[in-house]
Amino acid sequence: MRPERGASRRRLLSAAPALAAGAWLGSASDIRAEAAPPRGFAFALIGDLPYTESGEADAAALLAALDAEPLELVIHVGDIKGGVEPCSDALFARRHALLAGGTHPLVLLPGDNEWTDCHRMLAGRFDPLERLAALRALFWSGPSPMGARGEAVRAPFAFERQPGQPENVRWRIGPVRFVGLHVVGSGNGRDGFEGSRAAFALRRDRNRAWLRETVRRALLERADALVIAAHANPDFERSTPRAGFADWIEDLRAAADMFPRPILLLHGDTHRFRLDRPLADRDGRIYPQVTRVECFGWPFTASWVRIAYDPDEAVRFRVTAHDLAAPVHGHGP
């Protein structure tokens, strides 16, 4: 999806000045500045890029910068193309080569631009379900994350894909359990094309089963924290979520009810860096252990989010916003 019109890099970064210096988050602490680098491990969060052919250079520069960072992996939460770009095999192949070319393992989740919205005229009037099948064959048919070190970490991370919906993944780094799920923008693809309702229901049920099983596994493992990643902002800013996100929010509530330790919710979609606690139960009470992190997206193609975990800190996660010196290109829809 597109970011809000008129958004500026300066406004987004100035909206949370403490975050640029670093902020620790957890179940029993407010956000506070912290300069000391954490022990443990760190990973990068990006999404909603590239959005144009010229923007591929921006993405390549960003990935090269991430290669120079001491990261365990990169999570891209989806939208690997702009809404007005064609959903063609040629474009998919270029984006695959781009994202697979980095050194770090890269976990890619689906966004709406690359399949649910492909029936639109500017995207080429493709069959969305056929495009989803093509994406699965190209990006998610292998057992490992993308990137030069993807295969090397498959066994240490216990990386696995969900049968029937291989874009759904889970893995573990130390005491932290990760899960990635297929929840996308544009109302989660519930409406808009022939067969969308049936496809939505099947995907919803598989997401629910994968998340519940992962939470149970995290509890059995005595995981210290849980990271849940997906593309869509599920209408946290709306008083009533759209129909495509109502079940997803209920599933997140169920996960928070089951897992009492720190939970990170990672997403993209609305292209605005956010760090807050928006998940509330049905009575409006905020879950104190659940923190949302939204990454940058187009046109903020030189920006990324670093998330570090330290098992020796009372508050486990440190989230910091980073920005390259300057983007290579700044054009897009």
C-alpha atoms as a PDB file:
ATOM      1  CA  MET A   1       0.000   0.000   0.000  1.00  0.00           C
ATOM      2  CA  ARG A   2       1.063   3.606  -0.425  1.00  0.00           C
ATOM      3  CA  PRO A   3       2.271   5.700   2.510  1.00  0.00           C
ATOM      4  CA  GLU A   4       0.263   8.692   3.617  1.00  0.00           C
ATOM      5  CA  ARG A   5       0.555  11.606   1.181  1.00  0.00           C
ATOM      6  CA  GLY A   6       2.793  14.431   2.306  1.00  0.00           C
ATOM      7  CA  ALA A   7       4.807  12.296   4.704  1.00  0.00           C
ATOM      8  CA  SER A   8       8.368  13.414   5.159  1.00  0.00           C
ATOM      9  CA  ARG A   9      11.458  11.722   6.521  1.00  0.00           C
ATOM     10  CA  ARG A  10      12.040  14.600   8.927  1.00  0.00           C
ATOM     11  CA  ARG A  11       8.544  14.374  10.405  1.00  0.00           C
ATOM     12  CA  LEU A  12       8.735  10.638  10.905  1.00  0.00           C
ATOM     13  CA  LEU A  13      12.114  10.663  12.571  1.00  0.00           C
ATOM     14  CA  SER A  14      11.316  13.690  14.728  1.00  0.00           C
ATOM     15  CA  ALA A  15       8.088  12.065  15.942  1.00  0.00           C
ATOM     16  CA  ALA A  16      10.095   9.810  18.251  1.00  0.00           C
ATOM     17  CA  PRO A  17      13.397  11.485  19.132  1.00  0.00           C
ATOM     18  CA  ALA A  18      14.205   8.964  21.857  1.00  0.00           C
ATOM     19  CA  LEU A  19      14.099   6.145  19.335  1.00  0.00           C
ATOM     20  CA  ALA A  20      16.964   7.479  17.242  1.00  0.00           C
ATOM     21  CA  ALA A  21      19.209   7.185  20.283  1.00  0.00           C
ATOM     22  CA  GLY A  22      17.818   3.784  21.210  1.00  0.00           C
ATOM     23  CA  ALA A  23      14.899   2.548  23.252  1.00  0.00           C
ATOM     24  CA  TRP A  24      14.480  -0.534  25.350  1.00  0.00           C
ATOM     25  CA  LEU A  25      11.118  -2.244  25.370  1.00  0.00           C
ATOM     26  CA  GLY A  26       9.648  -5.021  27.474  1.00  0.00           C
ATOM     27  CA  SER A  27       6.764  -6.168  29.589  1.00  0.00           C
ATOM     28  CA  ALA A  28       7.626  -4.185  32.693  1.00  0.00           C
ATOM     29  CA  SER A  29       9.173  -0.934  31.535  1.00  0.00           C
ATOM     30  CA  ASP A  30       8.334   2.236  29.701  1.00  0.00           C
ATOM     31  CA  ILE A  31      10.439   3.323  26.743  1.00  0.00           C
ATOM     32  CA  ARG A  32      13.755   4.762  27.902  1.00  0.00           C
ATOM     33  CA  ALA A  33      16.946   5.849  26.184  1.00  0.00           C
ATOM     34  CA  GLU A  34      19.921   3.498  26.346  1.00  0.00           C
ATOM     35  CA  ALA A  35      23.269   4.105  24.656  1.00  0.00           C
ATOM     36  CA  ALA A  36      25.196   0.941  25.567  1.00  0.00           C
ATOM     37  CA  PRO A  37      25.128  -1.745  22.887  1.00  0.00           C
ATOM     38  CA  PRO A  38      23.384  -4.926  24.006  1.00  0.00           C
ATOM     39  CA  ARG A  39      24.822  -8.425  24.172  1.00  0.00           C
ATOM     40  CA  GLY A  40      22.866 -11.265  22.602  1.00  0.00           C
ATOM     41  CA  PHE A  41      21.967 -10.816  18.955  1.00  0.00           C
ATOM     42  CA  ALA A  42      20.433  -8.294  16.581  1.00  0.00           C
ATOM     43  CA  PHE A  43      18.381  -8.372  13.393  1.00  0.00           C
ATOM     44  CA  ALA A  44      17.113  -5.856  10.859  1.00  0.00           C
ATOM     45  CA  LEU A  45      13.510  -5.040   9.963  1.00  0.00           C
ATOM     46  CA  ILE A  46      12.675  -3.623   6.522  1.00  0.00           C
ATOM     47  CA  GLY A  47       9.666  -3.668   4.193  1.00  0.00           C
ATOM     48  CA  ASP A  48       7.648  -1.974   1.463  1.00  0.00           C
ATOM     49  CA  LEU A  49      10.564  -1.626  -0.924  1.00  0.00           C
ATOM     50  CA  PRO A  50      11.636  -1.405  -3.691  1.00  0.00           C
ATOM     51  CA  TYR A  51       8.648   0.317  -5.272  1.00  0.00           C
ATOM     52  CA  THR A  52      10.145   1.229  -8.643  1.00  0.00           C
ATOM     53  CA  GLU A  53      12.764  -0.078 -11.038  1.00  0.00           C
ATOM     54  CA  SER A  54      14.996   2.864 -10.181  1.00  0.00           C
ATOM     55  CA  GLY A  55      14.396   2.139  -6.519  1.00  0.00           C
ATOM     56  CA  GLU A  56      16.150  -1.193  -6.907  1.00  0.00           C
ATOM     57  CA  ALA A  57      19.420   0.714  -6.555  1.00  0.00           C
ATOM     58  CA  ASP A  58      18.193   2.104  -3.225  1.00  0.00           C
ATOM     59  CA  ALA A  59      17.339  -1.386  -2.010  1.00  0.00           C
ATOM     60  CA  ALA A  60      20.695  -2.726  -3.139  1.00  0.00           C
ATOM     61  CA  ALA A  61      22.462   0.066  -1.228  1.00  0.00           C
ATOM     62  CA  LEU A  62      20.407  -0.663   1.864  1.00  0.00           C
ATOM     63  CA  LEU A  63      21.117  -4.391   1.718  1.00  0.00           C
ATOM     64  CA  ALA A  64      24.827  -3.690   1.228  1.00  0.00           C
ATOM     65  CA  ALA A  65      24.788  -1.484   4.329  1.00  0.00           C
ATOM     66  CA  LEU A  66      23.043  -4.228   6.285  1.00  0.00           C
ATOM     67  CA  ASP A  67      25.684  -6.728   5.134  1.00  0.00           C
ATOM     68  CA  ALA A  68      28.238  -4.615   6.977  1.00  0.00           C
ATOM     69  CA  GLU A  69      26.243  -4.805  10.214  1.00  0.00           C
ATOM     70  CA  PRO A  70      26.641  -7.615  12.801  1.00  0.00           C
ATOM     71  CA  LEU A  71      23.158  -9.067  12.291  1.00  0.00           C
ATOM     72  CA  GLU A  72      21.800 -12.571  12.588  1.00  0.00           C
ATOM     73  CA  LEU A  73      19.256 -11.995   9.816  1.00  0.00           C
ATOM     74  CA  VAL A  74      17.053  -9.508   7.973  1.00  0.00           C
ATOM     75  CA  ILE A  75      13.247  -9.648   8.033  1.00  0.00           C
ATOM     76  CA  HIS A  76      11.468  -8.085   5.040  1.00  0.00           C
ATOM     77  CA  VAL A  77       7.772  -7.861   5.882  1.00  0.00           C
ATOM     78  CA  GLY A  78       6.520  -7.694   2.292  1.00  0.00           C
ATOM     79  CA  ASP A  79       5.575  -5.409  -0.594  1.00  0.00           C
ATOM     80  CA  ILE A  80       8.560  -5.995  -2.867  1.00  0.00           C
ATOM     81  CA  LYS A  81       6.978  -3.869  -5.626  1.00  0.00           C
ATOM     82  CA  GLY A  82       4.930  -0.732  -6.027  1.00  0.00           C
ATOM     83  CA  GLY A  83       1.202  -0.884  -6.586  1.00  0.00           C
ATOM     84  CA  VAL A  84       1.540   0.558 -10.102  1.00  0.00           C
ATOM     85  CA  GLU A  85       4.286  -1.845 -11.197  1.00  0.00           C
ATOM     86  CA  PRO A  86       3.272  -4.875 -13.264  1.00  0.00           C
ATOM     87  CA  CYS A  87       3.047  -8.185 -11.419  1.00  0.00           C
ATOM     88  CA  SER A  88       5.147  -9.839 -14.108  1.00  0.00           C
ATOM     89  CA  ASP A  89       7.470 -12.816 -13.948  1.00  0.00           C
ATOM     90  CA  ALA A  90      10.310 -10.556 -15.093  1.00  0.00           C
ATOM     91  CA  LEU A  91       9.778  -8.139 -12.214  1.00  0.00           C
ATOM     92  CA  PHE A  92       9.494 -10.984  -9.703  1.00  0.00           C
ATOM     93  CA  ALA A  93      12.760 -12.448 -11.000  1.00  0.00           C
ATOM     94  CA  ARG A  94      14.581  -9.122 -10.619  1.00  0.00           C
ATOM     95  CA  ARG A  95      13.344  -8.645  -7.062  1.00  0.00           C
ATOM     96  CA  HIS A  96      14.256 -12.217  -6.166  1.00  0.00           C
ATOM     97  CA  ALA A  97      17.807 -11.718  -7.425  1.00  0.00           C
ATOM     98  CA  LEU A  98      18.043  -8.463  -5.483  1.00  0.00           C
ATOM     99  CA  LEU A  99      16.825  -9.852  -2.163  1.00  0.00           C
ATOM    100  CA  ALA A 100      18.731 -13.119  -2.471  1.00  0.00           C
ATOM    101  CA  GLY A 101      22.007 -11.325  -3.172  1.00  0.00           C
ATOM    102  CA  GLY A 102      22.774 -10.254   0.381  1.00  0.00           C
ATOM    103  CA  THR A 103      25.077 -11.981   2.830  1.00  0.00           C
ATOM    104  CA  HIS A 104      22.736 -12.193   5.796  1.00  0.00           C
ATOM    105  CA  PRO A 105      19.851 -14.667   5.855  1.00  0.00           C
ATOM    106  CA  LEU A 106      16.726 -12.840   4.691  1.00  0.00           C
ATOM    107  CA  VAL A 107      13.205 -13.902   5.607  1.00  0.00           C
ATOM    108  CA  LEU A 108      10.656 -12.499   3.157  1.00  0.00           C
ATOM    109  CA  LEU A 109       6.953 -12.342   3.980  1.00  0.00           C
ATOM    110  CA  PRO A 110       4.233 -11.557   1.410  1.00  0.00           C
ATOM    111  CA  GLY A 111       2.637  -8.160   0.923  1.00  0.00           C
ATOM    112  CA  ASP A 112      -0.511  -7.128  -0.915  1.00  0.00           C
ATOM    113  CA  ASN A 113       1.179  -5.366  -3.840  1.00  0.00           C
ATOM    114  CA  GLU A 114       2.706  -8.548  -5.182  1.00  0.00           C
ATOM    115  CA  TRP A 115      -0.453 -10.631  -5.353  1.00  0.00           C
ATOM    116  CA  THR A 116      -3.817  -9.485  -3.917  1.00  0.00           C
ATOM    117  CA  ASP A 117      -3.705  -6.206  -5.872  1.00  0.00           C
ATOM    118  CA  CYS A 118      -2.426  -7.683  -9.130  1.00  0.00           C
ATOM    119  CA  HIS A 119      -5.926  -7.699 -10.665  1.00  0.00           C
ATOM    120  CA  ARG A 120      -5.828  -3.904 -10.875  1.00  0.00           C
ATOM    121  CA  MET A 121      -5.324  -2.292 -14.265  1.00  0.00           C
ATOM    122  CA  LEU A 122      -2.053  -0.518 -13.407  1.00  0.00           C
ATOM    123  CA  ALA A 123      -0.639  -3.768 -12.037  1.00  0.00           C
ATOM    124  CA  GLY A 124      -1.381  -5.623 -15.277  1.00  0.00           C
ATOM    125  CA  ARG A 125      -4.748  -7.267 -14.594  1.00  0.00           C
ATOM    126  CA  PHE A 126      -3.225 -10.542 -13.437  1.00  0.00           C
ATOM    127  CA  ASP A 127      -5.051 -13.334 -11.634  1.00  0.00           C
ATOM    128  CA  PRO A 128      -4.056 -12.806  -7.978  1.00  0.00           C
ATOM    129  CA  LEU A 129      -4.221 -16.472  -7.052  1.00  0.00           C
ATOM    130  CA  GLU A 130      -2.038 -17.426 -10.009  1.00  0.00           C
ATOM    131  CA  ARG A 131       0.446 -14.736  -8.969  1.00  0.00           C
ATOM    132  CA  LEU A 132       0.481 -16.092  -5.413  1.00  0.00           C
ATOM    133  CA  ALA A 133       1.307 -19.532  -6.778  1.00  0.00           C
ATOM    134  CA  ALA A 134       4.131 -18.011  -8.827  1.00  0.00           C
ATOM    135  CA  LEU A 135       5.515 -16.235  -5.766  1.00  0.00           C
ATOM    136  CA  ARG A 136       5.424 -19.421  -3.745  1.00  0.00           C
ATOM    137  CA  ALA A 137       7.335 -21.282  -6.443  1.00  0.00           C
ATOM    138  CA  LEU A 138       9.992 -18.583  -6.752  1.00  0.00           C
ATOM    139  CA  PHE A 139      10.430 -17.222  -3.217  1.00  0.00           C
ATOM    140  CA  TRP A 140       9.181 -19.865  -0.797  1.00  0.00           C
ATOM    141  CA  SER A 141       9.713 -23.278  -2.353  1.00  0.00           C
ATOM    142  CA  GLY A 142      13.122 -23.761  -0.733  1.00  0.00           C
ATOM    143  CA  PRO A 143      13.587 -24.888   2.875  1.00  0.00           C
ATOM    144  CA  SER A 144      15.892 -22.036   3.909  1.00  0.00           C
ATOM    145  CA  PRO A 145      15.837 -18.262   4.210  1.00  0.00           C
ATOM    146  CA  MET A 146      17.204 -16.259   1.286  1.00  0.00           C
ATOM    147  CA  GLY A 147      20.731 -14.853   1.227  1.00  0.00           C
ATOM    148  CA  ALA A 148      24.208 -16.330   1.034  1.00  0.00           C
ATOM    149  CA  ARG A 149      24.040 -17.648   4.602  1.00  0.00           C
ATOM    150  CA  GLY A 150      20.453 -18.826   4.396  1.00  0.00           C
ATOM    151  CA  GLU A 151      21.206 -22.526   4.086  1.00  0.00           C
ATOM    152  CA  ALA A 152      23.873 -22.365   6.791  1.00  0.00           C
ATOM    153  CA  VAL A 153      21.402 -21.151   9.436  1.00  0.00           C
ATOM    154  CA  ARG A 154      18.519 -23.465   8.552  1.00  0.00           C
ATOM    155  CA  ALA A 155      19.473 -26.158  11.042  1.00  0.00           C
ATOM    156  CA  PRO A 156      20.791 -23.889  13.846  1.00  0.00           C
ATOM    157  CA  PHE A 157      17.643 -21.758  13.643  1.00  0.00           C
ATOM    158  CA  ALA A 158      15.352 -24.796  13.304  1.00  0.00           C
ATOM    159  CA  PHE A 159      13.862 -22.897  10.367  1.00  0.00           C
ATOM    160  CA  GLU A 160      10.673 -24.423   8.960  1.00  0.00           C
ATOM    161  CA  ARG A 161       7.817 -23.620   6.583  1.00  0.00           C
ATOM    162  CA  GLN A 162       4.141 -24.445   6.944  1.00  0.00           C
ATOM    163  CA  PRO A 163       2.957 -27.208   4.614  1.00  0.00           C
ATOM    164  CA  GLY A 164       0.466 -25.798   2.114  1.00  0.00           C
ATOM    165  CA  GLN A 165       1.336 -22.193   2.939  1.00  0.00           C
ATOM    166  CA  PRO A 166       5.148 -22.107   2.748  1.00  0.00           C
ATOM    167  CA  GLU A 167       5.413 -18.353   3.155  1.00  0.00           C
ATOM    168  CA  ASN A 168       4.427 -18.962   6.787  1.00  0.00           C
ATOM    169  CA  VAL A 169       7.645 -19.658   8.663  1.00  0.00           C
ATOM    170  CA  ARG A 170       9.068 -20.032  12.130  1.00  0.00           C
ATOM    171  CA  TRP A 171      12.493 -20.323  13.656  1.00  0.00           C
ATOM    172  CA  ARG A 172      14.371 -19.811  16.887  1.00  0.00           C
ATOM    173  CA  ILE A 173      17.482 -17.847  17.801  1.00  0.00           C
ATOM    174  CA  GLY A 174      18.643 -18.716  21.305  1.00  0.00           C
ATOM    175  CA  PRO A 175      15.701 -18.280  23.680  1.00  0.00           C
ATOM    176  CA  VAL A 176      13.651 -16.168  21.249  1.00  0.00           C
ATOM    177  CA  ARG A 177      10.954 -17.795  19.105  1.00  0.00           C
ATOM    178  CA  PHE A 178      10.031 -16.150  15.775  1.00  0.00           C
ATOM    179  CA  VAL A 179       6.985 -16.675  13.569  1.00  0.00           C
ATOM    180  CA  GLY A 180       6.076 -15.088  10.225  1.00  0.00           C
ATOM    181  CA  LEU A 181       2.545 -15.138   8.848  1.00  0.00           C
ATOM    182  CA  HIS A 182       0.669 -14.236   5.677  1.00  0.00           C
ATOM    183  CA  VAL A 183      -1.395 -11.187   6.675  1.00  0.00           C
ATOM    184  CA  VAL A 184      -1.350  -8.426   4.056  1.00  0.00           C
ATOM    185  CA  GLY A 185      -2.573  -4.901   3.416  1.00  0.00           C
ATOM    186  CA  SER A 186      -5.582  -3.957   1.279  1.00  0.00           C
ATOM    187  CA  GLY A 187      -7.906  -5.371   3.927  1.00  0.00           C
ATOM    188  CA  ASN A 188      -5.943  -8.637   4.080  1.00  0.00           C
ATOM    189  CA  GLY A 189      -7.061  -9.559   0.556  1.00  0.00           C
ATOM    190  CA  ARG A 190     -10.536 -10.533   1.755  1.00  0.00           C
ATOM    191  CA  ASP A 191     -12.325  -8.807  -1.126  1.00  0.00           C
ATOM    192  CA  GLY A 192     -11.598  -7.500  -4.592  1.00  0.00           C
ATOM    193  CA  PHE A 193     -11.187 -10.429  -6.962  1.00  0.00           C
ATOM    194  CA  GLU A 194     -12.867 -13.677  -7.907  1.00  0.00           C
ATOM    195  CA  GLY A 195     -12.204 -16.324  -5.297  1.00  0.00           C
ATOM    196  CA  SER A 196     -10.893 -13.853  -2.727  1.00  0.00           C
ATOM    197  CA  ARG A 197     -13.273 -14.837   0.081  1.00  0.00           C
ATOM    198  CA  ALA A 198     -12.488 -18.555  -0.147  1.00  0.00           C
ATOM    199  CA  ALA A 199      -8.749 -17.902  -0.394  1.00  0.00           C
ATOM    200  CA  PHE A 200      -8.948 -15.531   2.570  1.00  0.00           C
ATOM    201  CA  ALA A 201     -10.749 -18.093   4.752  1.00  0.00           C
ATOM    202  CA  LEU A 202      -8.218 -20.808   3.955  1.00  0.00           C
ATOM    203  CA  ARG A 203      -5.280 -18.500   4.645  1.00  0.00           C
ATOM    204  CA  ARG A 204      -6.868 -17.237   7.874  1.00  0.00           C
ATOM    205  CA  ASP A 205      -7.328 -20.781   9.181  1.00  0.00           C
ATOM    206  CA  ARG A 206      -3.775 -21.772   8.302  1.00  0.00           C
ATOM    207  CA  ASN A 207      -2.417 -18.619   9.920  1.00  0.00           C
ATOM    208  CA  ARG A 208      -4.372 -19.336  13.080  1.00  0.00           C
ATOM    209  CA  ALA A 209      -3.155 -22.914  13.301  1.00  0.00           C
ATOM    210  CA  TRP A 210       0.470 -21.905  12.656  1.00  0.00           C
ATOM    211  CA  LEU A 211       0.413 -19.135  15.252  1.00  0.00           C
ATOM    212  CA  ARG A 212      -1.262 -21.255  17.923  1.00  0.00           C
ATOM    213  CA  GLU A 213       1.142 -24.125  17.376  1.00  0.00           C
ATOM    214  CA  THR A 214       4.092 -21.737  17.532  1.00  0.00           C
ATOM    215  CA  VAL A 215       2.909 -20.182  20.793  1.00  0.00           C
ATOM    216  CA  ARG A 216       2.442 -23.635  22.326  1.00  0.00           C
ATOM    217  CA  ARG A 217       5.939 -24.567  21.190  1.00  0.00           C
ATOM    218  CA  ALA A 218       7.348 -21.362  22.681  1.00  0.00           C
ATOM    219  CA  LEU A 219       5.737 -22.193  26.011  1.00  0.00           C
ATOM    220  CA  LEU A 220       7.076 -25.761  25.973  1.00  0.00           C
ATOM    221  CA  GLU A 221      10.534 -24.445  25.104  1.00  0.00           C
ATOM    222  CA  ARG A 222      10.283 -21.861  27.877  1.00  0.00           C
ATOM    223  CA  ALA A 223      11.117 -19.225  25.293  1.00  0.00           C
ATOM    224  CA  ASP A 224      12.132 -15.904  26.785  1.00  0.00           C
ATOM    225  CA  ALA A 225      10.369 -13.841  24.097  1.00  0.00           C
ATOM    226  CA  LEU A 226       8.164 -14.201  21.034  1.00  0.00           C
ATOM    227  CA  VAL A 227       8.457 -12.235  17.772  1.00  0.00           C
ATOM    228  CA  ILE A 228       5.420 -12.214  15.438  1.00  0.00           C
ATOM    229  CA  ALA A 229       5.908 -10.732  11.960  1.00  0.00           C
ATOM    230  CA  ALA A 230       3.479 -10.020   9.118  1.00  0.00           C
ATOM    231  CA  HIS A 231       3.028  -7.361   6.452  1.00  0.00           C
ATOM    232  CA  ALA A 232      -0.230  -5.630   7.363  1.00  0.00           C
ATOM    233  CA  ASN A 233      -0.941  -2.931   9.856  1.00  0.00           C
ATOM    234  CA  PRO A 234      -4.173  -4.529  11.122  1.00  0.00           C
ATOM    235  CA  ASP A 235      -6.002  -1.256  11.647  1.00  0.00           C
ATOM    236  CA  PHE A 236      -4.514  -0.584  15.063  1.00  0.00           C
ATOM    237  CA  GLU A 237      -5.245   3.101  14.475  1.00  0.00           C
ATOM    238  CA  ARG A 238      -8.949   2.538  13.729  1.00  0.00           C
ATOM    239  CA  SER A 239     -11.629   2.195  16.382  1.00  0.00           C
ATOM    240  CA  THR A 240     -13.119  -0.719  14.430  1.00  0.00           C
ATOM    241  CA  PRO A 241     -10.864  -2.872  12.243  1.00  0.00           C
ATOM    242  CA  ARG A 242     -11.933  -3.868   8.765  1.00  0.00           C
ATOM    243  CA  ALA A 243     -13.446  -7.327   8.356  1.00  0.00           C
ATOM    244  CA  GLY A 244     -10.222  -8.731   6.946  1.00  0.00           C
ATOM    245  CA  PHE A 245      -8.350  -7.980  10.174  1.00  0.00           C
ATOM    246  CA  ALA A 246     -10.924  -8.774  12.862  1.00  0.00           C
ATOM    247  CA  ASP A 247      -9.917 -12.433  13.139  1.00  0.00           C
ATOM    248  CA  TRP A 248      -6.224 -11.551  13.047  1.00  0.00           C
ATOM    249  CA  ILE A 249      -6.578  -9.191  15.985  1.00  0.00           C
ATOM    250  CA  GLU A 250      -8.437 -11.893  17.896  1.00  0.00           C
ATOM    251  CA  ASP A 251      -5.611 -14.317  17.130  1.00  0.00           C
ATOM    252  CA  LEU A 252      -3.066 -11.814  18.421  1.00  0.00           C
ATOM    253  CA  ARG A 253      -5.080 -11.382  21.580  1.00  0.00           C
ATOM    254  CA  ALA A 254      -5.181 -15.146  22.053  1.00  0.00           C
ATOM    255  CA  ALA A 255      -1.412 -15.320  21.638  1.00  0.00           C
ATOM    256  CA  ALA A 256      -0.923 -12.542  24.201  1.00  0.00           C
ATOM    257  CA  ASP A 257      -3.277 -14.293  26.622  1.00  0.00           C
ATOM    258  CA  MET A 258      -1.233 -17.491  26.294  1.00  0.00           C
ATOM    259  CA  PHE A 259       2.280 -16.042  26.304  1.00  0.00           C
ATOM    260  CA  PRO A 260       3.015 -13.740  29.276  1.00  0.00           C
ATOM    261  CA  ARG A 261       6.584 -12.817  28.381  1.00  0.00           C
ATOM    262  CA  PRO A 262       7.705 -10.086  25.941  1.00  0.00           C
ATOM    263  CA  ILE A 263       6.101 -10.181  22.488  1.00  0.00           C
ATOM    264  CA  LEU A 264       7.138  -8.072  19.516  1.00  0.00           C
ATOM    265  CA  LEU A 265       4.630  -7.484  16.704  1.00  0.00           C
ATOM    266  CA  LEU A 266       6.496  -6.511  13.533  1.00  0.00           C
ATOM    267  CA  HIS A 267       4.807  -5.137  10.414  1.00  0.00           C
ATOM    268  CA  GLY A 268       5.041  -2.661   7.566  1.00  0.00           C
ATOM    269  CA  ASP A 269       2.242  -1.604   5.187  1.00  0.00           C
ATOM    270  CA  THR A 270       1.665   2.016   6.219  1.00  0.00           C
ATOM    271  CA  HIS A 271       5.296   3.134   5.783  1.00  0.00           C
ATOM    272  CA  ARG A 272       5.583   4.939   9.086  1.00  0.00           C
ATOM    273  CA  PHE A 273       8.113   4.074  11.766  1.00  0.00           C
ATOM    274  CA  ARG A 274       6.203   3.351  14.963  1.00  0.00           C
ATOM    275  CA  LEU A 275       7.113   1.937  18.331  1.00  0.00           C
ATOM    276  CA  ASP A 276       4.213   1.562  20.741  1.00  0.00           C
ATOM    277  CA  ARG A 277       1.778  -0.784  22.473  1.00  0.00           C
ATOM    278  CA  PRO A 278      -1.500  -0.708  20.522  1.00  0.00           C
ATOM    279  CA  LEU A 279      -2.883  -4.196  21.221  1.00  0.00           C
ATOM    280  CA  ALA A 280      -5.771  -4.154  23.685  1.00  0.00           C
ATOM    281  CA  ASP A 281      -8.143  -6.847  24.878  1.00  0.00           C
ATOM    282  CA  ARG A 282     -11.885  -6.674  24.286  1.00  0.00           C
ATOM    283  CA  ASP A 283     -12.297  -4.487  27.357  1.00  0.00           C
ATOM    284  CA  GLY A 284      -9.759  -1.974  26.099  1.00  0.00           C
ATOM    285  CA  ARG A 285      -6.925  -2.978  28.431  1.00  0.00           C
ATOM    286  CA  ILE A 286      -3.510  -2.740  26.794  1.00  0.00           C
ATOM    287  CA  TYR A 287      -1.361  -5.864  26.855  1.00  0.00           C
ATOM    288  CA  PRO A 288       1.747  -4.561  28.650  1.00  0.00           C
ATOM    289  CA  GLN A 289       4.069  -7.246  27.291  1.00  0.00           C
ATOM    290  CA  VAL A 290       3.184  -6.638  23.620  1.00  0.00           C
ATOM    291  CA  THR A 291       5.110  -4.036  21.619  1.00  0.00           C
ATOM    292  CA  ARG A 292       4.454  -3.093  17.996  1.00  0.00           C
ATOM    293  CA  VAL A 293       7.324  -2.094  15.689  1.00  0.00           C
ATOM    294  CA  GLU A 294       6.448  -0.788  12.234  1.00  0.00           C
ATOM    295  CA  CYS A 295       9.292  -0.413   9.771  1.00  0.00           C
ATOM    296  CA  PHE A 296       9.948   2.283   7.215  1.00  0.00           C
ATOM    297  CA  GLY A 297       8.920   1.800   3.593  1.00  0.00           C
ATOM    298  CA  TRP A 298       8.907   3.767   0.352  1.00  0.00           C
ATOM    299  CA  PRO A 299       9.888   6.608   0.002  1.00  0.00           C
ATOM    300  CA  PHE A 300      12.110   6.188   3.069  1.00  0.00           C
ATOM    301  CA  THR A 301      14.359   3.814   1.158  1.00  0.00           C
ATOM    302  CA  ALA A 302      17.501   4.642   3.130  1.00  0.00           C
ATOM    303  CA  SER A 303      15.930   3.840   6.516  1.00  0.00           C
ATOM    304  CA  TRP A 304      15.811   0.610   8.483  1.00  0.00           C
ATOM    305  CA  VAL A 305      15.122  -0.652  11.986  1.00  0.00           C
ATOM    306  CA  ARG A 306      17.596  -2.517  14.163  1.00  0.00           C
ATOM    307  CA  ILE A 307      16.215  -4.760  16.896  1.00  0.00           C
ATOM    308  CA  ALA A 308      18.612  -6.182  19.467  1.00  0.00           C
ATOM    309  CA  TYR A 309      17.908  -8.784  22.129  1.00  0.00           C
ATOM    310  CA  ASP A 310      19.865  -9.043  25.374  1.00  0.00           C
ATOM    311  CA  PRO A 311      19.021 -11.862  27.786  1.00  0.00           C
ATOM    312  CA  ASP A 312      20.800 -10.099  30.637  1.00  0.00           C
ATOM    313  CA  GLU A 313      18.583  -7.030  30.545  1.00  0.00           C
ATOM    314  CA  ALA A 314      15.319  -6.849  32.461  1.00  0.00           C
ATOM    315  CA  VAL A 315      13.805  -5.312  29.325  1.00  0.00           C
ATOM    316  CA  ARG A 316      14.835  -7.570  26.520  1.00  0.00           C
ATOM    317  CA  PHE A 317      14.598  -5.627  23.250  1.00  0.00           C
ATOM    318  CA  ARG A 318      16.299  -2.478  22.054  1.00  0.00           C
ATOM    319  CA  VAL A 319      14.784  -0.893  18.945  1.00  0.00           C
ATOM    320  CA  THR A 320      16.649   1.789  17.017  1.00  0.00           C
ATOM    321  CA  ALA A 321      15.958   3.641  13.778  1.00  0.00           C
ATOM    322  CA  HIS A 322      18.829   3.967  11.310  1.00  0.00           C
ATOM    323  CA  ASP A 323      19.272   6.015   8.155  1.00  0.00           C
ATOM    324  CA  LEU A 324      21.869   5.804   5.386  1.00  0.00           C
ATOM    325  CA  ALA A 325      23.644   8.991   4.338  1.00  0.00           C
ATOM    326  CA  ALA A 326      21.322   9.487   1.343  1.00  0.00           C
ATOM    327  CA  PRO A 327      19.174   7.383  -0.958  1.00  0.00           C
ATOM    328  CA  VAL A 328      20.391   6.690  -4.478  1.00  0.00           C
ATOM    329  CA  HIS A 329      16.971   7.551  -5.945  1.00  0.00           C
ATOM    330  CA  GLY A 330      13.910   9.140  -4.416  1.00  0.00           C
ATOM    331  CA  HIS A 331      11.232   8.560  -7.021  1.00  0.00           C
ATOM    332  CA  GLY A 332       8.105   6.415  -6.812  1.00  0.00           C
ATOM    333  CA  PRO A 333       4.320   6.347  -7.164  1.00  0.00           C
END
